[in-house]
Amino acid sequence: MKNLPAFVFGALLAATALPGCVASKKYDDLKARQTATEQAKTDLERQQRQAVTELKKASDELAQLRVETRRLVDDSTETGRNLRRTRQLNTQLTDSYDKLLKNSDRAMADKSADYNKVAKDLARREAELGELDTNLRKSRADIDKLTADLTAREARLAELQKALAEKDKAVDALKASVSNALRGFQGTDLQVKMKDGKVYVSLSEQLLFKSGSTKVDPKGQEALKQLATVLQQQPDVNVVVEGHTDNVPFSRPAGAMQDNWDLSVLRATEIARLLTTGGVQPDRVTASGRSQYVPVAANDSPQNKALNRRTEIILTPKLNELLKILDSNSSAGGK
């Protein structure tokens, strides 16, 4: 706090003079905005997990359909074999019947018992033949339906895989663009990495802020300006700004900043403001404070604490096409 510029210190003193209800309302607004941000982040992560889950589910159903199709084809083959065998037996019985008719009356009388037996066998065989014909037609209808379902599911699966591939390609391209734009700043103070289908731009406190300050230094402003230029050309990318601190508590809370929650939120808000001033549409940007609760290293040394005092700008391509495909798959599954 000793290094605060005079006008900032004056602003903080003025803020302390405001009625208690104004400070409370501002704090509540910040908390509400943080809650909305966390919910939006949770929803986005859930949507991505849903996309991956739906892809696995579609693949499993596709494999099951293939197994069922093979089984029905095998059943159809066996049914056809039985049908041919029955027809052969039917022909043999018909020949026997014709021979009996050519015998004399005496022979007919002597063979009446055999004739009745043959007639019964013939009737039974004909019934079996009719049943086999019915089963064969039903099997063919089932195969046709399963084949149509399999084709439709394969098409939806291919569409989903294509959308995921395009999304991954877009994330790779975004990372390359951001890395290239920030090449002059990268090092221990600025890192660009990809994780869970998102691009993370991590900026150290040393690059952006003086200790305890919420105003971005000129060098940090230049880095954010370069990043905003890239994001202007990426209209389908959402931006989440997360402020992080170490676990050292405020020694002298003052004004709007009472603890690390306030510091992380105000820093994230300031960076979000600079990005929008640089040309990024405000409806794409969300500011979020995480305080000391998402460290990247144990707060057990000055070096590790410095690592935790950072701002992360999380870039996430919109998943509109993936969501359309998932909605289409859900509607098809309901039918």
C-alpha atoms as a PDB file:
ATOM      1  CA  MET A   1       0.000   0.000   0.000  1.00  0.00           C
ATOM      2  CA  LYS A   2       3.028   2.308   0.523  1.00  0.00           C
ATOM      3  CA  ASN A   3       3.679   2.368  -3.241  1.00  0.00           C
ATOM      4  CA  LEU A   4       0.179   3.556  -4.215  1.00  0.00           C
ATOM      5  CA  PRO A   5       0.140   6.667  -6.456  1.00  0.00           C
ATOM      6  CA  ALA A   6      -1.158   9.803  -4.756  1.00  0.00           C
ATOM      7  CA  PHE A   7      -4.393   9.921  -6.758  1.00  0.00           C
ATOM      8  CA  VAL A   8      -5.146   6.249  -5.949  1.00  0.00           C
ATOM      9  CA  PHE A   9      -4.493   6.813  -2.279  1.00  0.00           C
ATOM     10  CA  GLY A  10      -6.758   9.815  -2.376  1.00  0.00           C
ATOM     11  CA  ALA A  11      -9.464   7.771  -4.066  1.00  0.00           C
ATOM     12  CA  LEU A  12      -9.181   5.108  -1.388  1.00  0.00           C
ATOM     13  CA  LEU A  13      -9.494   7.743   1.341  1.00  0.00           C
ATOM     14  CA  ALA A  14     -12.547   9.168  -0.395  1.00  0.00           C
ATOM     15  CA  ALA A  15     -14.043   5.684  -0.649  1.00  0.00           C
ATOM     16  CA  THR A  16     -13.711   5.230   3.125  1.00  0.00           C
ATOM     17  CA  ALA A  17     -15.796   8.352   3.589  1.00  0.00           C
ATOM     18  CA  LEU A  18     -18.746   6.955   1.630  1.00  0.00           C
ATOM     19  CA  PRO A  19     -21.744   5.741   3.635  1.00  0.00           C
ATOM     20  CA  GLY A  20     -21.531   2.122   4.753  1.00  0.00           C
ATOM     21  CA  CYS A  21     -24.497   1.100   2.581  1.00  0.00           C
ATOM     22  CA  VAL A  22     -22.663   2.186  -0.645  1.00  0.00           C
ATOM     23  CA  ALA A  23     -19.597   0.066   0.151  1.00  0.00           C
ATOM     24  CA  SER A  24     -21.808  -2.849   1.098  1.00  0.00           C
ATOM     25  CA  LYS A  25     -23.780  -2.603  -2.145  1.00  0.00           C
ATOM     26  CA  LYS A  26     -20.598  -2.491  -4.207  1.00  0.00           C
ATOM     27  CA  TYR A  27     -19.229  -5.496  -2.388  1.00  0.00           C
ATOM     28  CA  ASP A  28     -22.519  -7.379  -2.876  1.00  0.00           C
ATOM     29  CA  ASP A  29     -22.457  -6.487  -6.589  1.00  0.00           C
ATOM     30  CA  LEU A  30     -18.931  -7.872  -6.867  1.00  0.00           C
ATOM     31  CA  LYS A  31     -19.938 -11.074  -5.078  1.00  0.00           C
ATOM     32  CA  ALA A  32     -23.009 -11.475  -7.297  1.00  0.00           C
ATOM     33  CA  ARG A  33     -20.915 -10.957 -10.423  1.00  0.00           C
ATOM     34  CA  GLN A  34     -18.399 -13.513  -9.175  1.00  0.00           C
ATOM     35  CA  THR A  35     -21.197 -16.044  -8.519  1.00  0.00           C
ATOM     36  CA  ALA A  36     -22.575 -15.513 -12.050  1.00  0.00           C
ATOM     37  CA  THR A  37     -19.094 -15.933 -13.477  1.00  0.00           C
ATOM     38  CA  GLU A  38     -18.518 -19.195 -11.608  1.00  0.00           C
ATOM     39  CA  GLN A  39     -21.905 -20.482 -12.827  1.00  0.00           C
ATOM     40  CA  ALA A  40     -21.092 -19.563 -16.439  1.00  0.00           C
ATOM     41  CA  LYS A  41     -17.738 -21.316 -16.176  1.00  0.00           C
ATOM     42  CA  THR A  42     -19.370 -24.403 -14.637  1.00  0.00           C
ATOM     43  CA  ASP A  43     -22.000 -24.449 -17.423  1.00  0.00           C
ATOM     44  CA  LEU A  44     -19.312 -24.209 -20.120  1.00  0.00           C
ATOM     45  CA  GLU A  45     -17.288 -27.056 -18.598  1.00  0.00           C
ATOM     46  CA  ARG A  46     -20.462 -29.142 -18.244  1.00  0.00           C
ATOM     47  CA  GLN A  47     -21.259 -28.524 -21.930  1.00  0.00           C
ATOM     48  CA  GLN A  48     -17.813 -29.705 -22.960  1.00  0.00           C
ATOM     49  CA  ARG A  49     -18.051 -32.819 -20.764  1.00  0.00           C
ATOM     50  CA  GLN A  50     -21.507 -33.469 -22.235  1.00  0.00           C
ATOM     51  CA  ALA A  51     -20.044 -33.269 -25.751  1.00  0.00           C
ATOM     52  CA  VAL A  52     -17.342 -35.821 -24.912  1.00  0.00           C
ATOM     53  CA  THR A  53     -19.892 -38.048 -23.100  1.00  0.00           C
ATOM     54  CA  GLU A  54     -22.305 -37.915 -26.051  1.00  0.00           C
ATOM     55  CA  LEU A  55     -19.478 -38.843 -28.439  1.00  0.00           C
ATOM     56  CA  LYS A  56     -18.563 -41.891 -26.321  1.00  0.00           C
ATOM     57  CA  LYS A  57     -22.233 -42.841 -25.976  1.00  0.00           C
ATOM     58  CA  ALA A  58     -22.755 -42.590 -29.754  1.00  0.00           C
ATOM     59  CA  SER A  59     -19.641 -44.724 -30.367  1.00  0.00           C
ATOM     60  CA  ASP A  60     -20.842 -47.389 -27.902  1.00  0.00           C
ATOM     61  CA  GLU A  61     -24.316 -47.454 -29.475  1.00  0.00           C
ATOM     62  CA  LEU A  62     -22.747 -47.731 -32.926  1.00  0.00           C
ATOM     63  CA  ALA A  63     -20.698 -50.747 -31.832  1.00  0.00           C
ATOM     64  CA  GLN A  64     -23.819 -52.352 -30.298  1.00  0.00           C
ATOM     65  CA  LEU A  65     -25.799 -51.809 -33.481  1.00  0.00           C
ATOM     66  CA  ARG A  66     -23.060 -53.482 -35.511  1.00  0.00           C
ATOM     67  CA  VAL A  67     -23.098 -56.484 -33.200  1.00  0.00           C
ATOM     68  CA  GLU A  68     -26.922 -56.690 -33.443  1.00  0.00           C
ATOM     69  CA  THR A  69     -26.776 -56.417 -37.227  1.00  0.00           C
ATOM     70  CA  ARG A  70     -24.283 -59.281 -37.464  1.00  0.00           C
ATOM     71  CA  ARG A  71     -26.488 -61.381 -35.209  1.00  0.00           C
ATOM     72  CA  LEU A  72     -29.571 -60.751 -37.335  1.00  0.00           C
ATOM     73  CA  VAL A  73     -27.641 -61.530 -40.519  1.00  0.00           C
ATOM     74  CA  ASP A  74     -26.557 -64.829 -38.972  1.00  0.00           C
ATOM     75  CA  ASP A  75     -30.153 -65.559 -37.909  1.00  0.00           C
ATOM     76  CA  SER A  76     -31.386 -64.739 -41.404  1.00  0.00           C
ATOM     77  CA  THR A  77     -28.839 -67.099 -42.923  1.00  0.00           C
ATOM     78  CA  GLU A  78     -29.934 -69.912 -40.605  1.00  0.00           C
ATOM     79  CA  THR A  79     -33.602 -69.217 -41.359  1.00  0.00           C
ATOM     80  CA  GLY A  80     -32.930 -69.389 -45.099  1.00  0.00           C
ATOM     81  CA  ARG A  81     -31.133 -72.682 -44.627  1.00  0.00           C
ATOM     82  CA  ASN A  82     -34.091 -74.114 -42.705  1.00  0.00           C
ATOM     83  CA  LEU A  83     -36.462 -72.846 -45.368  1.00  0.00           C
ATOM     84  CA  ARG A  84     -34.565 -74.623 -48.141  1.00  0.00           C
ATOM     85  CA  ARG A  85     -34.430 -77.825 -46.119  1.00  0.00           C
ATOM     86  CA  THR A  86     -38.155 -77.657 -45.457  1.00  0.00           C
ATOM     87  CA  ARG A  87     -38.905 -77.077 -49.130  1.00  0.00           C
ATOM     88  CA  GLN A  88     -36.811 -80.090 -50.019  1.00  0.00           C
ATOM     89  CA  LEU A  89     -38.717 -82.236 -47.534  1.00  0.00           C
ATOM     90  CA  ASN A  90     -41.976 -80.838 -48.878  1.00  0.00           C
ATOM     91  CA  THR A  91     -40.992 -81.902 -52.402  1.00  0.00           C
ATOM     92  CA  GLN A  92     -40.120 -85.373 -51.189  1.00  0.00           C
ATOM     93  CA  LEU A  93     -43.435 -85.728 -49.374  1.00  0.00           C
ATOM     94  CA  THR A  94     -45.334 -84.513 -52.415  1.00  0.00           C
ATOM     95  CA  ASP A  95     -43.588 -87.115 -54.561  1.00  0.00           C
ATOM     96  CA  SER A  96     -44.515 -89.811 -52.057  1.00  0.00           C
ATOM     97  CA  TYR A  97     -48.103 -88.637 -52.118  1.00  0.00           C
ATOM     98  CA  ASP A  98     -48.220 -88.759 -55.922  1.00  0.00           C
ATOM     99  CA  LYS A  99     -46.876 -92.317 -55.905  1.00  0.00           C
ATOM    100  CA  LEU A 100     -49.528 -93.400 -53.440  1.00  0.00           C
ATOM    101  CA  LEU A 101     -52.252 -92.037 -55.720  1.00  0.00           C
ATOM    102  CA  LYS A 102     -50.976 -94.250 -58.561  1.00  0.00           C
ATOM    103  CA  ASN A 103     -51.353 -97.442 -56.537  1.00  0.00           C
ATOM    104  CA  SER A 104     -54.394 -99.615 -56.845  1.00  0.00           C
ATOM    105  CA  ASP A 105     -57.384 -99.391 -54.550  1.00  0.00           C
ATOM    106  CA  ARG A 106     -56.105-102.378 -52.615  1.00  0.00           C
ATOM    107  CA  ALA A 107     -52.734-100.754 -52.212  1.00  0.00           C
ATOM    108  CA  MET A 108     -54.473 -97.509 -51.276  1.00  0.00           C
ATOM    109  CA  ALA A 109     -56.425 -99.313 -48.564  1.00  0.00           C
ATOM    110  CA  ASP A 110     -53.313-101.041 -47.301  1.00  0.00           C
ATOM    111  CA  LYS A 111     -51.433 -97.781 -47.280  1.00  0.00           C
ATOM    112  CA  SER A 112     -54.214 -95.580 -45.885  1.00  0.00           C
ATOM    113  CA  ALA A 113     -52.498 -95.430 -42.535  1.00  0.00           C
ATOM    114  CA  ASP A 114     -49.260 -94.418 -44.195  1.00  0.00           C
ATOM    115  CA  TYR A 115     -51.143 -91.880 -46.262  1.00  0.00           C
ATOM    116  CA  ASN A 116     -52.739 -90.289 -43.203  1.00  0.00           C
ATOM    117  CA  LYS A 117     -49.363 -90.066 -41.528  1.00  0.00           C
ATOM    118  CA  VAL A 118     -47.795 -88.551 -44.614  1.00  0.00           C
ATOM    119  CA  ALA A 119     -50.693 -86.084 -44.923  1.00  0.00           C
ATOM    120  CA  LYS A 120     -50.226 -85.009 -41.329  1.00  0.00           C
ATOM    121  CA  ASP A 121     -46.499 -84.630 -41.855  1.00  0.00           C
ATOM    122  CA  LEU A 122     -47.151 -82.646 -44.991  1.00  0.00           C
ATOM    123  CA  ALA A 123     -49.583 -80.299 -43.186  1.00  0.00           C
ATOM    124  CA  ARG A 124     -47.096 -79.825 -40.366  1.00  0.00           C
ATOM    125  CA  ARG A 125     -44.290 -79.126 -42.798  1.00  0.00           C
ATOM    126  CA  GLU A 126     -46.421 -76.612 -44.654  1.00  0.00           C
ATOM    127  CA  ALA A 127     -47.202 -74.847 -41.376  1.00  0.00           C
ATOM    128  CA  GLU A 128     -43.515 -74.791 -40.536  1.00  0.00           C
ATOM    129  CA  LEU A 129     -42.778 -73.457 -43.989  1.00  0.00           C
ATOM    130  CA  GLY A 130     -45.294 -70.635 -43.511  1.00  0.00           C
ATOM    131  CA  GLU A 131     -43.823 -69.786 -40.114  1.00  0.00           C
ATOM    132  CA  LEU A 132     -40.294 -69.754 -41.524  1.00  0.00           C
ATOM    133  CA  ASP A 133     -41.407 -67.465 -44.354  1.00  0.00           C
ATOM    134  CA  THR A 134     -42.942 -65.075 -41.823  1.00  0.00           C
ATOM    135  CA  ASN A 135     -39.813 -65.123 -39.652  1.00  0.00           C
ATOM    136  CA  LEU A 136     -37.614 -64.526 -42.664  1.00  0.00           C
ATOM    137  CA  ARG A 137     -39.641 -61.493 -43.745  1.00  0.00           C
ATOM    138  CA  LYS A 138     -39.574 -60.130 -40.193  1.00  0.00           C
ATOM    139  CA  SER A 139     -35.806 -60.666 -39.952  1.00  0.00           C
ATOM    140  CA  ARG A 140     -35.284 -58.830 -43.223  1.00  0.00           C
ATOM    141  CA  ALA A 141     -37.453 -55.942 -42.025  1.00  0.00           C
ATOM    142  CA  ASP A 142     -35.480 -55.785 -38.765  1.00  0.00           C
ATOM    143  CA  ILE A 143     -32.196 -55.794 -40.691  1.00  0.00           C
ATOM    144  CA  ASP A 144     -33.412 -52.977 -42.941  1.00  0.00           C
ATOM    145  CA  LYS A 145     -34.466 -50.904 -39.929  1.00  0.00           C
ATOM    146  CA  LEU A 146     -31.214 -51.515 -38.065  1.00  0.00           C
ATOM    147  CA  THR A 147     -29.216 -50.696 -41.177  1.00  0.00           C
ATOM    148  CA  ALA A 148     -31.083 -47.391 -41.539  1.00  0.00           C
ATOM    149  CA  ASP A 149     -30.543 -46.600 -37.842  1.00  0.00           C
ATOM    150  CA  LEU A 150     -26.874 -47.498 -38.132  1.00  0.00           C
ATOM    151  CA  THR A 151     -26.430 -45.237 -41.143  1.00  0.00           C
ATOM    152  CA  ALA A 152     -28.139 -42.320 -39.367  1.00  0.00           C
ATOM    153  CA  ARG A 153     -26.063 -42.787 -36.196  1.00  0.00           C
ATOM    154  CA  GLU A 154     -22.853 -43.035 -38.217  1.00  0.00           C
ATOM    155  CA  ALA A 155     -23.744 -39.755 -39.925  1.00  0.00           C
ATOM    156  CA  ARG A 156     -24.431 -38.039 -36.580  1.00  0.00           C
ATOM    157  CA  LEU A 157     -21.242 -39.482 -35.100  1.00  0.00           C
ATOM    158  CA  ALA A 158     -19.207 -38.263 -38.063  1.00  0.00           C
ATOM    159  CA  GLU A 159     -20.800 -34.831 -37.702  1.00  0.00           C
ATOM    160  CA  LEU A 160     -19.966 -34.724 -33.989  1.00  0.00           C
ATOM    161  CA  GLN A 161     -16.383 -35.862 -34.612  1.00  0.00           C
ATOM    162  CA  LYS A 162     -16.008 -33.208 -37.304  1.00  0.00           C
ATOM    163  CA  ALA A 163     -17.337 -30.495 -34.975  1.00  0.00           C
ATOM    164  CA  LEU A 164     -14.936 -31.588 -32.199  1.00  0.00           C
ATOM    165  CA  ALA A 165     -12.023 -31.649 -34.647  1.00  0.00           C
ATOM    166  CA  GLU A 166     -12.900 -28.166 -35.887  1.00  0.00           C
ATOM    167  CA  LYS A 167     -13.169 -26.932 -32.305  1.00  0.00           C
ATOM    168  CA  ASP A 168      -9.721 -28.399 -31.455  1.00  0.00           C
ATOM    169  CA  LYS A 169      -8.313 -26.870 -34.631  1.00  0.00           C
ATOM    170  CA  ALA A 170      -9.766 -23.486 -33.674  1.00  0.00           C
ATOM    171  CA  VAL A 171      -8.204 -23.734 -30.187  1.00  0.00           C
ATOM    172  CA  ASP A 172      -4.798 -24.607 -31.708  1.00  0.00           C
ATOM    173  CA  ALA A 173      -5.056 -21.666 -34.113  1.00  0.00           C
ATOM    174  CA  LEU A 174      -6.099 -19.355 -31.276  1.00  0.00           C
ATOM    175  CA  LYS A 175      -3.130 -20.425 -29.138  1.00  0.00           C
ATOM    176  CA  ALA A 176      -0.765 -19.859 -32.065  1.00  0.00           C
ATOM    177  CA  SER A 177      -2.207 -16.371 -32.714  1.00  0.00           C
ATOM    178  CA  VAL A 178      -2.001 -15.368 -29.051  1.00  0.00           C
ATOM    179  CA  SER A 179       1.519 -16.773 -28.643  1.00  0.00           C
ATOM    180  CA  ASN A 180       2.696 -14.926 -31.741  1.00  0.00           C
ATOM    181  CA  ALA A 181       1.118 -11.615 -30.617  1.00  0.00           C
ATOM    182  CA  LEU A 182       2.647 -11.885 -27.128  1.00  0.00           C
ATOM    183  CA  ARG A 183       6.012 -13.256 -28.236  1.00  0.00           C
ATOM    184  CA  GLY A 184       7.849 -10.210 -26.922  1.00  0.00           C
ATOM    185  CA  PHE A 185       6.394 -10.621 -23.434  1.00  0.00           C
ATOM    186  CA  GLN A 186       6.662 -14.382 -22.893  1.00  0.00           C
ATOM    187  CA  GLY A 187       8.923 -15.772 -20.205  1.00  0.00           C
ATOM    188  CA  THR A 188       8.469 -16.172 -16.489  1.00  0.00           C
ATOM    189  CA  ASP A 189       6.042 -13.225 -16.390  1.00  0.00           C
ATOM    190  CA  LEU A 190       3.738 -14.363 -19.237  1.00  0.00           C
ATOM    191  CA  GLN A 191       2.891 -17.889 -20.370  1.00  0.00           C
ATOM    192  CA  VAL A 192       0.466 -19.189 -23.003  1.00  0.00           C
ATOM    193  CA  LYS A 193      -0.696 -22.785 -22.714  1.00  0.00           C
ATOM    194  CA  MET A 194      -3.610 -24.989 -23.739  1.00  0.00           C
ATOM    195  CA  LYS A 195      -5.602 -27.108 -21.267  1.00  0.00           C
ATOM    196  CA  ASP A 196      -9.018 -28.827 -21.429  1.00  0.00           C
ATOM    197  CA  GLY A 197      -9.797 -27.367 -24.843  1.00  0.00           C
ATOM    198  CA  LYS A 198      -9.068 -23.779 -23.713  1.00  0.00           C
ATOM    199  CA  VAL A 199      -6.189 -21.340 -24.107  1.00  0.00           C
ATOM    200  CA  TYR A 200      -4.773 -19.955 -20.826  1.00  0.00           C
ATOM    201  CA  VAL A 201      -2.780 -16.699 -20.828  1.00  0.00           C
ATOM    202  CA  SER A 202      -1.124 -16.434 -17.403  1.00  0.00           C
ATOM    203  CA  LEU A 203       0.331 -13.022 -16.461  1.00  0.00           C
ATOM    204  CA  SER A 204       2.377 -12.470 -13.312  1.00  0.00           C
ATOM    205  CA  GLU A 205       1.744  -9.680 -10.834  1.00  0.00           C
ATOM    206  CA  GLN A 206       5.198  -8.306 -11.669  1.00  0.00           C
ATOM    207  CA  LEU A 207       4.146  -7.717 -15.286  1.00  0.00           C
ATOM    208  CA  LEU A 208       0.817  -6.089 -14.455  1.00  0.00           C
ATOM    209  CA  PHE A 209       0.641  -4.498 -11.010  1.00  0.00           C
ATOM    210  CA  LYS A 210       2.610  -2.939  -8.239  1.00  0.00           C
ATOM    211  CA  SER A 211       2.133  -4.596  -4.842  1.00  0.00           C
ATOM    212  CA  GLY A 212      -1.430  -4.094  -3.575  1.00  0.00           C
ATOM    213  CA  SER A 213      -2.370  -1.986  -6.618  1.00  0.00           C
ATOM    214  CA  THR A 214      -5.285  -2.544  -9.002  1.00  0.00           C
ATOM    215  CA  LYS A 215      -3.895  -0.305 -11.760  1.00  0.00           C
ATOM    216  CA  VAL A 216      -2.015  -2.028 -14.607  1.00  0.00           C
ATOM    217  CA  ASP A 217       1.546  -0.856 -15.308  1.00  0.00           C
ATOM    218  CA  PRO A 218       2.429   0.453 -18.811  1.00  0.00           C
ATOM    219  CA  LYS A 219       4.205  -2.757 -19.826  1.00  0.00           C
ATOM    220  CA  GLY A 220       1.202  -4.816 -18.792  1.00  0.00           C
ATOM    221  CA  GLN A 221      -1.102  -2.433 -20.652  1.00  0.00           C
ATOM    222  CA  GLU A 222       0.915  -2.981 -23.817  1.00  0.00           C
ATOM    223  CA  ALA A 223       0.619  -6.780 -23.476  1.00  0.00           C
ATOM    224  CA  LEU A 224      -3.141  -6.505 -22.950  1.00  0.00           C
ATOM    225  CA  LYS A 225      -3.403  -4.198 -25.956  1.00  0.00           C
ATOM    226  CA  GLN A 226      -1.664  -6.795 -28.128  1.00  0.00           C
ATOM    227  CA  LEU A 227      -3.982  -9.504 -26.787  1.00  0.00           C
ATOM    228  CA  ALA A 228      -7.079  -7.357 -27.425  1.00  0.00           C
ATOM    229  CA  THR A 229      -5.974  -6.892 -31.038  1.00  0.00           C
ATOM    230  CA  VAL A 230      -5.918 -10.671 -31.514  1.00  0.00           C
ATOM    231  CA  LEU A 231      -9.266 -11.161 -29.758  1.00  0.00           C
ATOM    232  CA  GLN A 232     -10.946  -8.573 -31.993  1.00  0.00           C
ATOM    233  CA  GLN A 233     -10.268 -10.967 -34.856  1.00  0.00           C
ATOM    234  CA  GLN A 234     -11.726 -13.922 -32.911  1.00  0.00           C
ATOM    235  CA  PRO A 235     -15.415 -12.988 -32.425  1.00  0.00           C
ATOM    236  CA  ASP A 236     -16.379 -16.565 -31.487  1.00  0.00           C
ATOM    237  CA  VAL A 237     -14.098 -16.693 -28.422  1.00  0.00           C
ATOM    238  CA  ASN A 238     -15.347 -16.009 -24.891  1.00  0.00           C
ATOM    239  CA  VAL A 239     -12.928 -14.361 -22.443  1.00  0.00           C
ATOM    240  CA  VAL A 240     -12.784 -15.022 -18.684  1.00  0.00           C
ATOM    241  CA  VAL A 241     -10.377 -12.938 -16.604  1.00  0.00           C
ATOM    242  CA  GLU A 242      -9.445 -14.569 -13.275  1.00  0.00           C
ATOM    243  CA  GLY A 243      -7.544 -12.702 -10.573  1.00  0.00           C
ATOM    244  CA  HIS A 244      -5.422 -14.778  -8.144  1.00  0.00           C
ATOM    245  CA  THR A 245      -3.447 -13.831  -5.011  1.00  0.00           C
ATOM    246  CA  ASP A 246      -1.141 -15.505  -2.521  1.00  0.00           C
ATOM    247  CA  ASN A 247      -2.297 -16.285   1.035  1.00  0.00           C
ATOM    248  CA  VAL A 248      -0.803 -13.221   2.694  1.00  0.00           C
ATOM    249  CA  PRO A 249      -3.709 -11.272   4.302  1.00  0.00           C
ATOM    250  CA  PHE A 250      -4.094  -7.511   4.068  1.00  0.00           C
ATOM    251  CA  SER A 251      -2.213  -5.828   6.881  1.00  0.00           C
ATOM    252  CA  ARG A 252      -4.274  -2.631   6.642  1.00  0.00           C
ATOM    253  CA  PRO A 253      -7.589  -3.098   4.781  1.00  0.00           C
ATOM    254  CA  ALA A 254      -8.903   0.174   3.414  1.00  0.00           C
ATOM    255  CA  GLY A 255     -11.642   1.488   1.181  1.00  0.00           C
ATOM    256  CA  ALA A 256     -13.178  -1.013  -1.223  1.00  0.00           C
ATOM    257  CA  MET A 257     -10.420  -3.574  -0.583  1.00  0.00           C
ATOM    258  CA  GLN A 258     -10.797  -5.471   2.648  1.00  0.00           C
ATOM    259  CA  ASP A 259      -9.101  -8.746   1.743  1.00  0.00           C
ATOM    260  CA  ASN A 260      -7.632 -10.834  -1.087  1.00  0.00           C
ATOM    261  CA  TRP A 261     -11.108 -11.476  -2.506  1.00  0.00           C
ATOM    262  CA  ASP A 262     -11.513  -7.760  -3.183  1.00  0.00           C
ATOM    263  CA  LEU A 263      -8.009  -7.415  -4.601  1.00  0.00           C
ATOM    264  CA  SER A 264      -8.438 -10.342  -7.025  1.00  0.00           C
ATOM    265  CA  VAL A 265     -11.858  -9.126  -8.192  1.00  0.00           C
ATOM    266  CA  LEU A 266     -10.761  -5.522  -8.718  1.00  0.00           C
ATOM    267  CA  ARG A 267      -7.654  -6.587 -10.629  1.00  0.00           C
ATOM    268  CA  ALA A 268      -9.699  -8.892 -12.876  1.00  0.00           C
ATOM    269  CA  THR A 269     -12.219  -6.084 -13.455  1.00  0.00           C
ATOM    270  CA  GLU A 270      -9.463  -3.640 -14.377  1.00  0.00           C
ATOM    271  CA  ILE A 271      -7.982  -6.045 -16.929  1.00  0.00           C
ATOM    272  CA  ALA A 272     -11.431  -6.780 -18.355  1.00  0.00           C
ATOM    273  CA  ARG A 273     -11.949  -3.017 -18.714  1.00  0.00           C
ATOM    274  CA  LEU A 274      -8.626  -2.627 -20.573  1.00  0.00           C
ATOM    275  CA  LEU A 275      -9.502  -5.480 -22.954  1.00  0.00           C
ATOM    276  CA  THR A 276     -12.855  -3.939 -23.803  1.00  0.00           C
ATOM    277  CA  THR A 277     -11.220  -0.531 -24.191  1.00  0.00           C
ATOM    278  CA  GLY A 278      -8.846  -2.253 -26.611  1.00  0.00           C
ATOM    279  CA  GLY A 279     -11.768  -3.340 -28.801  1.00  0.00           C
ATOM    280  CA  VAL A 280     -13.043  -6.638 -27.350  1.00  0.00           C
ATOM    281  CA  GLN A 281     -16.851  -6.740 -27.183  1.00  0.00           C
ATOM    282  CA  PRO A 282     -17.893  -6.379 -23.520  1.00  0.00           C
ATOM    283  CA  ASP A 283     -20.519  -9.140 -23.775  1.00  0.00           C
ATOM    284  CA  ARG A 284     -17.713 -11.635 -24.432  1.00  0.00           C
ATOM    285  CA  VAL A 285     -15.698 -10.709 -21.313  1.00  0.00           C
ATOM    286  CA  THR A 286     -16.253 -11.948 -17.751  1.00  0.00           C
ATOM    287  CA  ALA A 287     -14.224 -10.756 -14.746  1.00  0.00           C
ATOM    288  CA  SER A 288     -13.740 -13.151 -11.822  1.00  0.00           C
ATOM    289  CA  GLY A 289     -11.778 -13.044  -8.575  1.00  0.00           C
ATOM    290  CA  ARG A 290     -10.461 -16.322  -7.110  1.00  0.00           C
ATOM    291  CA  SER A 291      -8.530 -14.811  -4.172  1.00  0.00           C
ATOM    292  CA  GLN A 292      -5.903 -17.211  -2.717  1.00  0.00           C
ATOM    293  CA  TYR A 293      -7.893 -20.424  -3.211  1.00  0.00           C
ATOM    294  CA  VAL A 294      -6.588 -21.678  -6.581  1.00  0.00           C
ATOM    295  CA  PRO A 295      -2.789 -21.603  -6.144  1.00  0.00           C
ATOM    296  CA  VAL A 296      -0.364 -23.070  -8.674  1.00  0.00           C
ATOM    297  CA  ALA A 297       2.272 -23.649  -6.003  1.00  0.00           C
ATOM    298  CA  ALA A 298       2.427 -24.036  -2.235  1.00  0.00           C
ATOM    299  CA  ASN A 299       2.599 -20.656  -0.458  1.00  0.00           C
ATOM    300  CA  ASP A 300       5.733 -21.719   1.401  1.00  0.00           C
ATOM    301  CA  SER A 301       8.376 -19.424  -0.121  1.00  0.00           C
ATOM    302  CA  PRO A 302       8.603 -15.931  -1.668  1.00  0.00           C
ATOM    303  CA  GLN A 303       9.160 -17.497  -5.090  1.00  0.00           C
ATOM    304  CA  ASN A 304       6.064 -19.693  -4.880  1.00  0.00           C
ATOM    305  CA  LYS A 305       3.951 -16.850  -3.524  1.00  0.00           C
ATOM    306  CA  ALA A 306       5.024 -14.753  -6.511  1.00  0.00           C
ATOM    307  CA  LEU A 307       3.834 -17.548  -8.812  1.00  0.00           C
ATOM    308  CA  ASN A 308       0.412 -17.490  -7.159  1.00  0.00           C
ATOM    309  CA  ARG A 309       0.043 -13.704  -7.554  1.00  0.00           C
ATOM    310  CA  ARG A 310      -1.137 -13.839 -11.130  1.00  0.00           C
ATOM    311  CA  THR A 311      -3.964 -13.120 -13.544  1.00  0.00           C
ATOM    312  CA  GLU A 312      -5.222 -15.825 -15.904  1.00  0.00           C
ATOM    313  CA  ILE A 313      -7.096 -14.901 -19.077  1.00  0.00           C
ATOM    314  CA  ILE A 314      -9.012 -17.979 -20.234  1.00  0.00           C
ATOM    315  CA  LEU A 315     -10.038 -18.073 -23.895  1.00  0.00           C
ATOM    316  CA  THR A 316     -12.796 -20.515 -24.834  1.00  0.00           C
ATOM    317  CA  PRO A 317     -14.213 -20.940 -28.362  1.00  0.00           C
ATOM    318  CA  LYS A 318     -18.008 -20.928 -28.400  1.00  0.00           C
ATOM    319  CA  LEU A 319     -19.562 -24.385 -28.765  1.00  0.00           C
ATOM    320  CA  ASN A 320     -22.691 -23.429 -30.720  1.00  0.00           C
ATOM    321  CA  GLU A 321     -22.240 -26.050 -33.453  1.00  0.00           C
ATOM    322  CA  LEU A 322     -21.456 -28.795 -30.943  1.00  0.00           C
ATOM    323  CA  LEU A 323     -24.521 -27.890 -28.896  1.00  0.00           C
ATOM    324  CA  LYS A 324     -26.720 -28.020 -32.012  1.00  0.00           C
ATOM    325  CA  ILE A 325     -25.451 -31.525 -32.789  1.00  0.00           C
ATOM    326  CA  LEU A 326     -25.969 -32.647 -29.183  1.00  0.00           C
ATOM    327  CA  ASP A 327     -29.514 -31.253 -29.211  1.00  0.00           C
ATOM    328  CA  SER A 328     -30.158 -33.065 -32.498  1.00  0.00           C
ATOM    329  CA  ASN A 329     -28.845 -36.342 -31.060  1.00  0.00           C
ATOM    330  CA  SER A 330     -30.998 -35.910 -27.943  1.00  0.00           C
ATOM    331  CA  SER A 331     -34.099 -35.281 -30.064  1.00  0.00           C
ATOM    332  CA  ALA A 332     -33.356 -38.317 -32.236  1.00  0.00           C
ATOM    333  CA  GLY A 333     -32.811 -40.491 -29.137  1.00  0.00           C
ATOM    334  CA  GLY A 334     -36.180 -39.351 -27.733  1.00  0.00           C
ATOM    335  CA  LYS A 335     -37.960 -40.562 -30.828  1.00  0.00           C
END
